[in-house]
Amino acid sequence: MVDLSELFGEGWCVTLTQLAPAQALERMGVRDVTDVDDGMQLATERLEADGTQPEVLLLGRGLRDGWSLIVELEGTLGWVGMDRAVLEALSAGGRVAASAFEDPNQLMGHVAVDGQGGVRAGCHHRATALHGRRHRTDGRQLAVPGLLPW
């Protein structure tokens, strides 16, 4: 198990989708998809720079079986991966897309299936209680081999 807060710090958003990284980044609104040698170093430099960047850096990496992981570390303008329209675009055509984010006060996840918003769940750190709401899908539709256990 990986502790994303230990890896990325207090603010992050990760998105999993059944698209190649370049396709996923384009559907997330990235204008110029380019390869970078060390994305984490680039993200660190941007976070340490004075002032707010006018654009958000999204880092994408291919995973097994056609899945991609997209990482955002700059949440000052909101998290791209948590936008319902973005998740619906990433999941269009019978795919699944899921995003989760953490900032100092909350942890939340959203899932979309086949272009429709799915399950939303969140946890407020102070309350440490999980709450969720189901939207237009049921858990059986999320049974993706190798991703979820049921």
Protein backbone atom coordinates (compact mmCIF):
# COMPACT_ATOMS: atom_id res chain seq x y z
CA MET A 1 0.00 0.00 0.00
CA VAL A 2 1.23 3.51 -0.85
CA ASP A 3 0.56 6.49 1.41
CA LEU A 4 -0.08 9.26 -1.13
CA SER A 5 0.09 11.98 1.52
CA GLU A 6 3.54 10.77 2.52
CA LEU A 7 4.57 10.66 -1.14
CA PHE A 8 3.00 13.94 -2.36
CA GLY A 9 2.39 16.03 0.75
CA GLU A 10 -0.87 17.51 2.02
CA GLY A 11 -2.52 18.35 -1.30
CA TRP A 12 -2.91 16.00 -4.25
CA CYS A 13 -5.38 14.52 -6.71
CA VAL A 14 -4.95 11.23 -8.56
CA THR A 15 -7.09 10.01 -11.45
CA LEU A 16 -7.27 6.48 -12.85
CA THR A 17 -8.74 5.99 -16.31
CA GLN A 18 -8.93 3.38 -19.05
CA LEU A 19 -7.15 5.56 -21.62
CA ALA A 20 -3.58 6.04 -22.77
CA PRO A 21 -1.87 8.88 -20.86
CA ALA A 22 -1.86 11.30 -23.83
CA GLN A 23 -5.57 10.71 -24.49
CA ALA A 24 -6.43 11.12 -20.81
CA LEU A 25 -4.46 14.36 -20.54
CA GLU A 26 -6.13 15.75 -23.66
CA ARG A 27 -9.60 14.94 -22.26
CA MET A 28 -8.54 16.70 -19.06
CA GLY A 29 -7.87 19.89 -21.04
CA VAL A 30 -4.09 19.73 -21.48
CA ARG A 31 -3.17 21.75 -24.57
CA ASP A 32 0.42 20.59 -25.05
CA VAL A 33 1.04 16.99 -24.04
CA THR A 34 4.82 16.47 -23.89
CA ASP A 35 7.21 13.94 -22.40
CA VAL A 36 9.23 15.13 -19.42
CA ASP A 37 12.31 13.47 -17.97
CA ASP A 38 11.45 13.96 -14.30
CA GLY A 39 7.85 15.02 -13.72
CA MET A 40 8.12 14.94 -9.94
CA GLN A 41 11.12 17.27 -10.02
CA LEU A 42 9.24 19.63 -12.33
CA ALA A 43 6.24 19.57 -9.96
CA THR A 44 8.50 20.25 -6.98
CA GLU A 45 10.11 23.23 -8.71
CA ARG A 46 6.69 24.67 -9.58
CA LEU A 47 5.44 24.26 -6.00
CA GLU A 48 8.55 25.91 -4.58
CA ALA A 49 8.42 28.88 -6.99
CA ASP A 50 7.07 32.19 -5.73
CA GLY A 51 3.57 33.08 -6.89
CA THR A 52 0.80 31.00 -8.38
CA GLN A 53 1.34 29.44 -11.78
CA PRO A 54 -1.23 30.49 -14.41
CA GLU A 55 -1.72 26.85 -15.45
CA VAL A 56 -1.90 23.53 -13.61
CA LEU A 57 0.65 20.77 -14.21
CA LEU A 58 -0.81 17.29 -14.79
CA LEU A 59 1.54 14.29 -14.83
CA GLY A 60 0.40 11.12 -16.59
CA ARG A 61 1.81 7.61 -16.61
CA GLY A 62 0.65 4.43 -18.32
CA LEU A 63 -0.23 1.43 -16.19
CA ARG A 64 -1.04 -2.19 -17.02
CA ASP A 65 -3.95 -3.25 -19.17
CA GLY A 66 -4.52 0.17 -20.79
CA TRP A 67 -5.02 2.15 -17.57
CA SER A 68 -3.37 5.50 -16.84
CA LEU A 69 -2.60 7.36 -13.64
CA ILE A 70 -2.77 11.16 -13.71
CA VAL A 71 -1.32 13.11 -10.76
CA GLU A 72 -2.04 16.74 -9.82
CA LEU A 73 -0.15 18.50 -7.05
CA GLU A 74 -1.37 22.07 -7.54
CA GLY A 75 -4.88 22.49 -6.17
CA THR A 76 -4.99 26.26 -5.88
CA LEU A 77 -7.35 26.46 -8.86
CA GLY A 78 -9.29 23.32 -7.91
CA TRP A 79 -8.61 19.74 -8.93
CA VAL A 80 -9.12 19.01 -12.64
CA GLY A 81 -9.66 15.30 -11.97
CA MET A 82 -12.54 15.97 -9.58
CA ASP A 83 -14.60 17.85 -12.16
CA ARG A 84 -17.70 15.83 -13.04
CA ALA A 85 -17.53 16.73 -16.75
CA VAL A 86 -13.88 15.64 -16.91
CA LEU A 87 -14.63 12.27 -15.29
CA GLU A 88 -17.59 11.77 -17.61
CA ALA A 89 -15.36 12.50 -20.65
CA LEU A 90 -12.69 10.10 -19.37
CA SER A 91 -15.24 7.34 -18.86
CA ALA A 92 -17.17 7.77 -22.12
CA GLY A 93 -17.49 4.75 -24.38
CA GLY A 94 -17.98 2.14 -21.67
CA ARG A 95 -14.89 3.06 -19.63
CA VAL A 96 -14.42 3.73 -15.93
CA ALA A 97 -12.65 6.77 -14.46
CA ALA A 98 -11.99 7.48 -10.80
CA SER A 99 -10.38 10.41 -9.00
CA ALA A 100 -9.48 11.03 -5.39
CA PHE A 101 -8.03 14.10 -3.73
CA GLU A 102 -6.75 15.13 -0.35
CA ASP A 103 -6.18 18.56 1.06
CA PRO A 104 -5.56 19.39 4.72
CA ASN A 105 -9.26 19.12 5.63
CA GLN A 106 -10.77 16.38 3.51
CA LEU A 107 -10.32 13.26 1.43
CA MET A 108 -12.84 12.61 -1.34
CA GLY A 109 -13.28 10.29 -4.31
CA HIS A 110 -15.51 10.35 -7.41
CA VAL A 111 -16.17 7.58 -9.95
CA ALA A 112 -17.79 7.80 -13.39
CA VAL A 113 -18.89 4.86 -15.54
CA ASP A 114 -19.68 5.00 -19.25
CA GLY A 115 -19.86 8.79 -19.37
CA GLN A 116 -22.10 9.16 -16.32
CA GLY A 117 -21.30 10.37 -12.84
CA GLY A 118 -21.09 7.47 -10.41
CA VAL A 119 -20.32 7.03 -6.76
CA ARG A 120 -19.04 9.93 -4.62
CA ALA A 121 -17.54 9.33 -1.20
CA GLY A 122 -15.60 11.49 1.19
CA CYS A 123 -14.08 11.71 4.63
CA HIS A 124 -13.61 14.86 6.66
CA HIS A 125 -10.39 14.46 8.64
CA ARG A 126 -11.74 16.03 11.82
CA ALA A 127 -14.83 13.85 11.88
CA THR A 128 -13.05 10.70 10.60
CA ALA A 129 -16.44 9.45 9.39
CA LEU A 130 -16.91 8.17 5.87
CA HIS A 131 -19.94 9.40 3.98
CA GLY A 132 -20.99 8.74 0.42
CA ARG A 133 -23.74 9.14 -2.11
CA ARG A 134 -24.55 6.93 -5.08
CA HIS A 135 -25.39 8.49 -8.46
CA ARG A 136 -26.99 6.65 -11.39
CA THR A 137 -24.95 3.45 -11.13
CA ASP A 138 -24.60 0.45 -8.90
CA GLY A 139 -21.48 -1.25 -7.60
CA ARG A 140 -21.67 -4.14 -10.08
CA GLN A 141 -20.86 -1.73 -12.91
CA LEU A 142 -17.61 -0.88 -11.14
CA ALA A 143 -16.39 -4.49 -11.06
CA VAL A 144 -13.39 -3.98 -13.35
CA PRO A 145 -10.93 -6.90 -13.42
CA GLY A 146 -7.77 -5.96 -11.55
CA LEU A 147 -9.15 -2.67 -10.19
CA LEU A 148 -11.85 -3.41 -7.65
CA PRO A 149 -12.29 -6.63 -5.69
CA TRP A 150 -15.96 -7.46 -6.23
